[in-house]
Amino acid sequence: MLIEFRVENFRSIKNEVCLSMIPSSIRNLSDNLIDTKMRDPPRLLKSAVLIGQNASGKTNVLFAFETLKQMILSSDKHNVGDKLPYTPFKLNTEFSTKPTHFIINFIVDNCEHQYELVHNSERILKEKLVRFTKIRRERIIFIREKEFEFGVDPEEQEVRSKQTPENVLYLSRASSLGYEPIRRIFSWFKDVLYTIGPTDLIHTDKTIAFMNQNSKCKTRVLQALKNADLDIQDITARTRKYKEEELKDAPDIFREILLEKGSVDLKTFHQPVGNNAGEPIKFDFFSEESDGTQKFFHLLGPLFNTLKKGRIIVIDELDVKLHPGLQNYLIRMFHDPEMNNKGAQLIFTSHSVVFLDDIDVFRTDQIWITDKQEDKSTSLISLHSYAERSDRRLFRKYMLGKFGGLPHLGDERIPEDTL
């Protein structure tokens, strides 16, 4: 489970922003909370949504999750001298040379951990992993600045630290070298934290794999499609795997994709109407179903897997190609205590803000607003910080700019001779 994520000097984010899944003291919508079975924090939010105008930095907040995850997963493969992914805030000369800073607090094995990373394009400037006891005492696993410091297994960790170049994360290297306490943390980033970008629509294989596990999983997918009023009565999927010699004449980019994922034959079945009522009619999923139907289906596998295994899923622009009703349907799956009984969390961005007036979907501490500051940097503020009552209508206030996060539209005419 995610507790909190902080990032500083990353793309449009200049000063530190913090996305916290720790709930406020408001008492409504208790089903939107996870019971952590821990003393501190006792509860966490099941979901959070980021709203705000275009170019306010919503995507950059979520992209920071993906960047940190990919750095951890790939760092061990770096060679000496390889550059680190470094994209500081470029509109300020001071920050354009300052390091990027990540801090993430999360729960592994019923214990809170905190991982901190500071880096530039050349080297790791600081790396720290700690865990917290039940009474919030900090237990250092390792600290890396100019030198390494180890709070546990110093001799065992010392050996691995000597095999860690300045541009490689110790978290990655120690995991690959088999140090179990750190390998479990590496696995959290690899297996628990899952991210989907706004154009990442190639998740059909995830939904097909889930659907083909057993009859119950297929029933779950079919029921979701029926609940979404998509008129799909049945769906079949076949995945073909290719051998390399079969694709020797294919362009490189297609060959790589086909070798990794294979090709998919996906068919949906619709019930005919009127005088044509009878056997269901077969449709080709990719050429005959709408973009919205495809997007909804693409998401079902990752979302159901997240719920089933108690993971965290981060989705940029969940609302793209989806009706607000379908978006709310997916959100409510995470708030449903029967469907979400393993502490799964959903974090997403959206331009659809109709839920601001639906007091049965979100608490105010689940809604976060990104805004573009005067210096063009990103701010991130919880709607709860505006002290709005949970039963107040918020959509009109948001559209009037009471909370920020709206574009400042110009009205200067575009010269006719340029059209």
Protein backbone atom coordinates (compact mmCIF):
# COMPACT_ATOMS: atom_id res chain seq x y z
CA MET A 1 0.00 0.00 0.00
CA LEU A 2 1.12 3.53 -0.76
CA ILE A 3 1.22 6.01 2.11
CA GLU A 4 2.81 9.08 0.55
CA PHE A 5 4.82 10.19 -2.47
CA ARG A 6 6.91 13.34 -2.73
CA VAL A 7 8.92 14.69 -5.65
CA GLU A 8 10.95 17.84 -6.23
CA ASN A 9 12.63 19.35 -9.32
CA PHE A 10 11.16 16.99 -11.88
CA ARG A 11 9.87 18.33 -15.21
CA SER A 12 7.25 21.01 -14.38
CA ILE A 13 7.56 20.32 -10.64
CA LYS A 14 9.98 22.82 -9.12
CA ASN A 15 9.27 22.86 -5.39
CA GLU A 16 8.29 19.68 -3.58
CA VAL A 17 4.76 18.36 -4.11
CA CYS A 18 3.25 15.65 -1.94
CA LEU A 19 0.48 13.18 -2.77
CA SER A 20 -0.72 11.65 0.49
CA MET A 21 -3.02 8.66 0.88
CA ILE A 22 -3.42 9.36 4.60
CA PRO A 23 -7.07 10.32 5.20
CA SER A 24 -8.24 13.38 7.05
CA SER A 25 -10.56 13.22 10.05
CA ILE A 26 -13.78 13.59 8.02
CA ARG A 27 -16.14 10.69 8.65
CA ASN A 28 -18.13 10.26 5.45
CA LEU A 29 -17.64 7.42 2.95
CA SER A 30 -15.82 5.06 5.29
CA ASP A 31 -15.88 2.41 2.53
CA ASN A 32 -13.33 4.56 0.71
CA LEU A 33 -10.75 3.75 3.40
CA ILE A 34 -8.42 0.77 3.88
CA ASP A 35 -7.96 -0.69 7.35
CA THR A 36 -4.19 -1.25 7.39
CA LYS A 37 -4.29 -3.36 10.59
CA MET A 38 -1.43 -1.15 11.78
CA ARG A 39 -1.11 1.32 14.61
CA ASP A 40 0.23 4.04 12.34
CA PRO A 41 -1.20 4.72 9.82
CA PRO A 42 -4.42 2.91 10.84
CA ARG A 43 -6.23 3.79 7.59
CA LEU A 44 -5.35 4.78 4.05
CA LEU A 45 -7.37 6.07 1.11
CA LYS A 46 -8.39 3.55 -1.52
CA SER A 47 -8.18 6.08 -4.34
CA ALA A 48 -7.06 9.57 -5.31
CA VAL A 49 -7.81 11.68 -8.37
CA LEU A 50 -5.78 14.58 -9.76
CA ILE A 51 -7.65 17.28 -11.67
CA GLY A 52 -6.46 20.55 -13.17
CA GLN A 53 -6.01 22.45 -16.40
CA ASN A 54 -3.91 21.24 -19.31
CA ALA A 55 -0.16 21.76 -18.79
CA SER A 56 -0.63 22.11 -15.02
CA GLY A 57 1.49 19.03 -14.29
CA LYS A 58 -1.01 16.23 -13.56
CA THR A 59 0.77 13.83 -15.87
CA ASN A 60 4.17 14.83 -14.49
CA VAL A 61 3.14 13.85 -10.96
CA LEU A 62 2.16 10.39 -12.18
CA PHE A 63 5.13 10.19 -14.54
CA ALA A 64 7.35 10.69 -11.50
CA PHE A 65 5.99 7.37 -10.16
CA GLU A 66 6.86 5.66 -13.44
CA THR A 67 10.31 7.27 -13.62
CA LEU A 68 11.24 6.20 -10.10
CA LYS A 69 9.96 2.67 -10.74
CA GLN A 70 11.84 2.29 -14.04
CA MET A 71 15.04 3.65 -12.51
CA ILE A 72 14.84 1.00 -9.80
CA LEU A 73 14.02 -1.82 -12.23
CA SER A 74 16.67 -0.94 -14.83
CA SER A 75 19.48 0.64 -12.83
CA ASP A 76 21.37 -2.60 -12.29
CA LYS A 77 21.88 -2.86 -16.06
CA HIS A 78 23.73 0.47 -16.27
CA ASN A 79 27.34 0.52 -17.29
CA VAL A 80 29.89 2.89 -15.81
CA GLY A 81 29.41 6.30 -17.42
CA ASP A 82 25.78 5.76 -18.49
CA LYS A 83 23.56 8.80 -17.93
CA LEU A 84 20.69 8.76 -15.48
CA PRO A 85 17.19 9.93 -16.55
CA TYR A 86 17.35 13.51 -15.33
CA THR A 87 14.71 16.08 -16.33
CA PRO A 88 14.81 19.03 -13.91
CA PHE A 89 12.63 22.15 -13.94
CA LYS A 90 14.15 24.03 -16.88
CA LEU A 91 12.50 27.45 -16.53
CA ASN A 92 14.72 28.48 -13.61
CA THR A 93 18.50 28.49 -14.01
CA GLU A 94 19.03 27.53 -10.37
CA PHE A 95 16.78 24.47 -10.58
CA SER A 96 18.00 23.43 -14.02
CA THR A 97 21.23 22.26 -12.40
CA LYS A 98 19.84 21.09 -9.04
CA PRO A 99 19.22 17.38 -8.41
CA THR A 100 15.86 15.63 -8.58
CA HIS A 101 14.51 14.36 -5.26
CA PHE A 102 12.07 11.48 -4.67
CA ILE A 103 10.65 10.22 -1.35
CA ILE A 104 8.09 7.41 -1.16
CA ASN A 105 6.50 5.84 1.93
CA PHE A 106 4.81 2.47 1.52
CA ILE A 107 3.86 -0.71 3.37
CA VAL A 108 5.67 -4.03 2.85
CA ASP A 109 5.15 -7.03 5.14
CA ASN A 110 2.86 -4.98 7.43
CA CYS A 111 5.65 -2.48 8.06
CA GLU A 112 6.07 1.08 6.81
CA HIS A 113 9.18 1.75 4.73
CA GLN A 114 10.58 4.95 3.24
CA TYR A 115 12.84 5.11 0.22
CA GLU A 116 14.62 8.35 -0.72
CA LEU A 117 16.58 9.10 -3.87
CA VAL A 118 18.49 12.23 -4.91
CA HIS A 119 20.28 12.25 -8.25
CA ASN A 120 21.46 14.25 -11.24
CA SER A 121 22.38 13.00 -14.71
CA GLU A 122 25.77 11.70 -13.58
CA ARG A 123 25.42 10.03 -10.23
CA ILE A 124 23.38 9.09 -7.19
CA LEU A 125 23.83 11.86 -4.61
CA LYS A 126 21.77 10.28 -1.86
CA GLU A 127 19.92 7.00 -1.42
CA LYS A 128 18.24 5.90 1.79
CA LEU A 129 15.99 3.04 2.86
CA VAL A 130 14.46 2.88 6.33
CA ARG A 131 11.63 1.01 8.01
CA PHE A 132 9.54 2.22 10.92
CA THR A 133 8.71 0.28 14.05
CA LYS A 134 5.18 0.17 15.48
CA ILE A 135 6.01 3.18 17.66
CA ARG A 136 7.40 5.14 14.68
CA ARG A 137 11.07 4.65 15.47
CA GLU A 138 13.23 4.79 12.36
CA ARG A 139 15.37 1.73 11.65
CA ILE A 140 17.98 2.37 8.98
CA ILE A 141 18.55 -0.36 6.41
CA PHE A 142 21.09 1.71 4.50
CA ILE A 143 22.07 5.31 3.82
CA ARG A 144 24.23 6.27 0.87
CA GLU A 145 25.74 9.74 0.47
CA LYS A 146 29.47 10.20 0.14
CA GLU A 147 29.85 6.91 1.99
CA PHE A 148 27.57 4.00 2.82
CA GLU A 149 26.10 3.46 6.28
CA PHE A 150 24.29 0.23 7.18
CA GLY A 151 21.87 -0.31 10.04
CA VAL A 152 21.52 -4.07 9.51
CA ASP A 153 23.84 -6.78 8.20
CA PRO A 154 26.76 -4.37 7.73
CA GLU A 155 29.27 -6.96 6.54
CA GLU A 156 26.86 -8.55 4.08
CA GLN A 157 25.78 -5.18 2.70
CA GLU A 158 29.32 -3.82 2.55
CA VAL A 159 30.28 -6.51 0.04
CA ARG A 160 27.41 -5.51 -2.25
CA SER A 161 27.99 -1.77 -1.90
CA LYS A 162 31.52 -2.18 -3.26
CA GLN A 163 29.95 -3.56 -6.45
CA THR A 164 27.69 -0.51 -6.89
CA PRO A 165 28.99 2.25 -9.23
CA GLU A 166 28.04 5.88 -8.61
CA ASN A 167 25.38 5.80 -11.36
CA VAL A 168 23.67 2.59 -10.15
CA LEU A 169 21.05 2.41 -7.41
CA TYR A 170 22.15 0.30 -4.46
CA LEU A 171 18.52 -0.83 -4.09
CA SER A 172 18.74 -2.39 -7.54
CA ARG A 173 22.25 -3.81 -7.18
CA ALA A 174 21.72 -5.32 -3.73
CA SER A 175 18.50 -6.94 -4.93
CA SER A 176 20.16 -8.46 -8.00
CA LEU A 177 22.97 -9.75 -5.76
CA GLY A 178 20.43 -11.61 -3.63
CA TYR A 179 20.19 -9.54 -0.44
CA GLU A 180 16.72 -10.62 0.71
CA PRO A 181 15.62 -7.61 2.86
CA ILE A 182 16.18 -5.30 -0.11
CA ARG A 183 14.93 -7.79 -2.69
CA ARG A 184 11.47 -7.61 -1.04
CA ILE A 185 11.47 -3.83 -1.49
CA PHE A 186 12.56 -4.19 -5.12
CA SER A 187 9.69 -6.63 -5.64
CA TRP A 188 7.21 -4.06 -4.30
CA PHE A 189 8.20 -1.62 -7.05
CA LYS A 190 8.25 -4.39 -9.66
CA ASP A 191 5.07 -6.28 -8.79
CA VAL A 192 2.85 -4.01 -6.69
CA LEU A 193 3.17 -0.59 -8.34
CA TYR A 194 1.64 -0.60 -11.85
CA THR A 195 1.38 2.41 -14.14
CA ILE A 196 -0.61 3.09 -17.32
CA GLY A 197 -0.11 6.19 -19.50
CA PRO A 198 -2.86 7.93 -21.54
CA THR A 199 -1.70 6.32 -24.80
CA ASP A 200 -0.84 2.91 -23.33
CA LEU A 201 -3.71 1.02 -24.91
CA ILE A 202 -1.88 -2.24 -25.56
CA HIS A 203 -3.18 -3.94 -22.44
CA THR A 204 -5.44 -6.35 -24.26
CA ASP A 205 -3.08 -9.19 -23.36
CA LYS A 206 -3.50 -8.39 -19.65
CA THR A 207 -7.29 -8.61 -19.87
CA ILE A 208 -7.18 -11.73 -22.04
CA ALA A 209 -4.76 -13.41 -19.62
CA PHE A 210 -7.06 -12.57 -16.70
CA MET A 211 -10.16 -13.68 -18.59
CA ASN A 212 -8.59 -17.00 -19.62
CA GLN A 213 -7.46 -17.96 -16.11
CA ASN A 214 -10.75 -19.71 -15.39
CA SER A 215 -14.50 -19.48 -15.94
CA LYS A 216 -14.99 -17.21 -12.91
CA CYS A 217 -12.54 -14.64 -14.28
CA LYS A 218 -14.26 -14.65 -17.67
CA THR A 219 -17.63 -14.24 -15.98
CA ARG A 220 -16.25 -11.25 -14.10
CA VAL A 221 -15.08 -9.59 -17.33
CA LEU A 222 -18.37 -10.34 -19.10
CA GLN A 223 -20.41 -9.00 -16.19
CA ALA A 224 -18.41 -5.76 -16.22
CA LEU A 225 -19.00 -5.38 -19.98
CA LYS A 226 -22.73 -5.97 -19.47
CA ASN A 227 -22.88 -3.58 -16.52
CA ALA A 228 -21.27 -0.95 -18.75
CA ASP A 229 -24.24 -1.25 -21.18
CA LEU A 230 -22.00 -2.18 -24.11
CA ASP A 231 -24.42 -4.86 -25.42
CA ILE A 232 -21.72 -7.53 -25.46
CA GLN A 233 -23.13 -10.97 -24.71
CA ASP A 234 -19.92 -12.97 -25.03
CA ILE A 235 -16.27 -12.58 -25.97
CA THR A 236 -13.62 -15.03 -27.18
CA ALA A 237 -9.87 -14.55 -27.46
CA ARG A 238 -7.05 -16.51 -28.99
CA THR A 239 -3.41 -15.47 -28.76
CA ARG A 240 -0.96 -16.80 -31.32
CA LYS A 241 2.73 -17.01 -30.45
CA TYR A 242 5.32 -16.72 -33.23
CA LYS A 243 8.69 -18.30 -33.79
CA GLU A 244 11.51 -16.01 -34.86
CA GLU A 245 11.91 -17.67 -38.28
CA GLU A 246 8.25 -16.91 -39.06
CA LEU A 247 8.90 -13.18 -38.76
CA LYS A 248 12.26 -12.88 -40.50
CA ASP A 249 10.81 -10.60 -43.19
CA ALA A 250 8.76 -8.42 -40.83
CA PRO A 251 9.93 -4.86 -39.95
CA ASP A 252 12.00 -4.82 -36.77
CA ILE A 253 9.46 -2.89 -34.67
CA PHE A 254 6.62 -5.28 -35.54
CA ARG A 255 8.82 -8.34 -35.14
CA GLU A 256 9.74 -7.35 -31.58
CA ILE A 257 6.11 -6.75 -30.61
CA LEU A 258 4.86 -9.98 -32.20
CA LEU A 259 7.61 -12.07 -30.64
CA GLU A 260 6.85 -10.61 -27.21
CA LYS A 261 3.05 -10.47 -27.27
CA GLY A 262 1.99 -12.55 -30.28
CA SER A 263 -1.13 -11.64 -32.23
CA VAL A 264 -4.64 -11.60 -30.82
CA ASP A 265 -7.85 -12.79 -32.44
CA LEU A 266 -10.54 -11.17 -30.30
CA LYS A 267 -14.24 -11.49 -31.10
CA THR A 268 -17.31 -10.09 -29.40
CA PHE A 269 -20.87 -11.36 -29.75
CA HIS A 270 -23.97 -9.14 -29.85
CA GLN A 271 -27.61 -10.21 -29.67
CA PRO A 272 -29.54 -9.30 -32.84
CA VAL A 273 -32.81 -7.39 -32.41
CA GLY A 274 -36.24 -7.21 -34.02
CA ASN A 275 -37.07 -9.73 -36.70
CA ASN A 276 -33.42 -10.83 -36.77
CA ALA A 277 -33.46 -12.16 -33.20
CA GLY A 278 -31.60 -15.44 -32.97
CA GLU A 279 -28.02 -16.55 -32.55
CA PRO A 280 -25.56 -13.83 -31.39
CA ILE A 281 -23.69 -11.99 -34.18
CA LYS A 282 -19.88 -12.06 -34.18
CA PHE A 283 -17.92 -8.77 -34.33
CA ASP A 284 -14.18 -8.18 -34.75
CA PHE A 285 -13.12 -6.40 -31.56
CA PHE A 286 -10.43 -4.15 -33.04
CA SER A 287 -12.20 -3.03 -36.21
CA GLU A 288 -15.86 -3.03 -35.18
CA GLU A 289 -16.00 -2.04 -31.52
CA SER A 290 -15.80 1.61 -30.49
CA ASP A 291 -12.66 3.20 -29.05
CA GLY A 292 -14.46 3.59 -25.72
CA THR A 293 -15.40 -0.09 -25.62
CA GLN A 294 -11.81 -1.04 -26.41
CA LYS A 295 -10.45 1.29 -23.72
CA PHE A 296 -12.86 -0.14 -21.14
CA PHE A 297 -11.87 -3.71 -22.02
CA HIS A 298 -8.15 -2.86 -22.01
CA LEU A 299 -8.47 -1.56 -18.43
CA LEU A 300 -10.42 -4.47 -16.98
CA GLY A 301 -7.48 -6.89 -16.80
CA PRO A 302 -5.07 -4.54 -15.02
CA LEU A 303 -7.84 -3.28 -12.70
CA PHE A 304 -9.11 -6.76 -11.78
CA ASN A 305 -5.55 -7.98 -11.19
CA THR A 306 -4.91 -4.97 -8.96
CA LEU A 307 -8.02 -5.74 -6.92
CA LYS A 308 -7.27 -9.46 -6.76
CA LYS A 309 -3.68 -9.03 -5.54
CA GLY A 310 -3.95 -5.83 -3.48
CA ARG A 311 -1.76 -3.76 -5.76
CA ILE A 312 -1.53 -0.07 -6.64
CA ILE A 313 -2.47 1.09 -10.13
CA VAL A 314 -1.61 4.55 -11.44
CA ILE A 315 -3.51 5.64 -14.56
CA ASP A 316 -2.99 8.87 -16.48
CA GLU A 317 -6.22 10.26 -17.98
CA LEU A 318 -8.58 7.50 -16.95
CA ASP A 319 -11.45 9.45 -18.53
CA VAL A 320 -10.05 9.44 -22.09
CA LYS A 321 -12.65 7.82 -24.39
CA LEU A 322 -14.82 6.87 -21.40
CA HIS A 323 -18.21 8.29 -20.49
CA PRO A 324 -18.20 9.77 -16.95
CA GLY A 325 -20.57 6.98 -15.91
CA LEU A 326 -18.05 4.32 -16.94
CA GLN A 327 -15.27 6.18 -15.16
CA ASN A 328 -17.34 6.22 -11.97
CA TYR A 329 -18.15 2.52 -12.38
CA LEU A 330 -14.43 1.66 -12.40
CA ILE A 331 -13.76 3.92 -9.42
CA ARG A 332 -16.58 2.39 -7.41
CA MET A 333 -15.02 -1.07 -7.85
CA PHE A 334 -12.13 0.12 -5.69
CA HIS A 335 -14.46 1.61 -3.07
CA ASP A 336 -16.56 -1.56 -2.86
CA PRO A 337 -15.41 -3.42 0.29
CA GLU A 338 -16.37 -6.79 -1.20
CA MET A 339 -14.51 -6.28 -4.49
CA ASN A 340 -11.57 -4.51 -2.85
CA ASN A 341 -10.81 -6.61 0.21
CA LYS A 342 -7.01 -6.71 -0.11
CA GLY A 343 -6.11 -3.03 0.16
CA ALA A 344 -5.81 -2.18 -3.55
CA GLN A 345 -5.40 1.50 -4.46
CA LEU A 346 -6.25 3.50 -7.59
CA ILE A 347 -4.53 6.81 -8.43
CA PHE A 348 -5.47 8.60 -11.63
CA THR A 349 -5.77 11.90 -13.45
CA SER A 350 -8.93 13.12 -15.13
CA HIS A 351 -10.35 16.09 -17.00
CA SER A 352 -13.88 14.95 -16.15
CA VAL A 353 -14.91 16.74 -12.97
CA VAL A 354 -18.61 15.87 -12.84
CA PHE A 355 -17.91 13.73 -9.76
CA LEU A 356 -17.25 16.93 -7.78
CA ASP A 357 -21.00 17.16 -7.24
CA ASP A 358 -21.44 13.45 -6.58
CA ILE A 359 -20.89 13.24 -2.83
CA ASP A 360 -21.23 9.43 -2.96
CA VAL A 361 -18.02 8.90 -4.99
CA PHE A 362 -15.17 10.85 -3.36
CA ARG A 363 -14.29 12.41 -0.07
CA THR A 364 -12.67 15.83 -0.36
CA ASP A 365 -9.33 14.39 0.82
CA GLN A 366 -9.29 12.08 -2.23
CA ILE A 367 -9.42 14.97 -4.72
CA TRP A 368 -6.16 16.74 -5.60
CA ILE A 369 -5.83 19.86 -7.75
CA THR A 370 -2.79 20.67 -9.84
CA ASP A 371 -2.31 24.31 -10.74
CA LYS A 372 0.20 26.23 -12.83
CA GLN A 373 1.94 28.86 -10.72
CA GLU A 374 3.15 32.27 -11.89
CA ASP A 375 6.62 30.82 -12.46
CA LYS A 376 4.98 28.03 -14.58
CA SER A 377 5.74 25.35 -11.98
CA THR A 378 3.27 22.77 -10.69
CA SER A 379 1.51 22.91 -7.34
CA LEU A 380 -0.54 20.05 -5.88
CA ILE A 381 -3.16 20.77 -3.23
CA SER A 382 -5.83 18.57 -1.65
CA LEU A 383 -9.37 19.87 -2.03
CA HIS A 384 -9.76 19.14 1.68
CA SER A 385 -7.30 21.94 2.45
CA TYR A 386 -9.98 24.40 1.31
CA ALA A 387 -12.05 23.15 4.28
CA GLU A 388 -15.07 22.43 2.11
CA ARG A 389 -17.85 20.48 3.79
CA SER A 390 -18.32 17.03 2.31
CA ASP A 391 -21.99 17.68 1.47
CA ARG A 392 -21.40 20.92 -0.45
CA ARG A 393 -21.75 21.22 -4.24
CA LEU A 394 -18.24 21.75 -5.58
CA PHE A 395 -18.49 21.65 -9.38
CA ARG A 396 -19.72 25.24 -9.77
CA LYS A 397 -17.09 26.55 -7.34
CA TYR A 398 -14.36 24.73 -9.23
CA MET A 399 -15.56 26.10 -12.58
CA LEU A 400 -15.57 29.59 -11.04
CA GLY A 401 -11.91 29.16 -10.13
CA LYS A 402 -12.35 28.98 -6.36
CA PHE A 403 -9.81 26.17 -6.07
CA GLY A 404 -7.47 26.97 -8.96
CA GLY A 405 -6.68 24.35 -11.58
CA LEU A 406 -8.45 26.21 -14.42
CA PRO A 407 -6.86 27.55 -17.62
CA HIS A 408 -6.58 31.33 -18.00
CA LEU A 409 -7.99 31.56 -21.50
CA GLY A 410 -7.07 34.52 -23.70
CA ASP A 411 -9.63 36.19 -25.95
CA GLU A 412 -7.31 37.84 -28.47
CA ARG A 413 -8.53 37.14 -31.99
CA ILE A 414 -6.43 34.96 -34.24
CA PRO A 415 -5.48 37.05 -37.33
CA GLU A 416 -7.65 36.07 -40.27
CA ASP A 417 -4.76 36.16 -42.71
CA THR A 418 -3.14 33.25 -40.84
CA LEU A 419 -6.09 30.96 -41.42
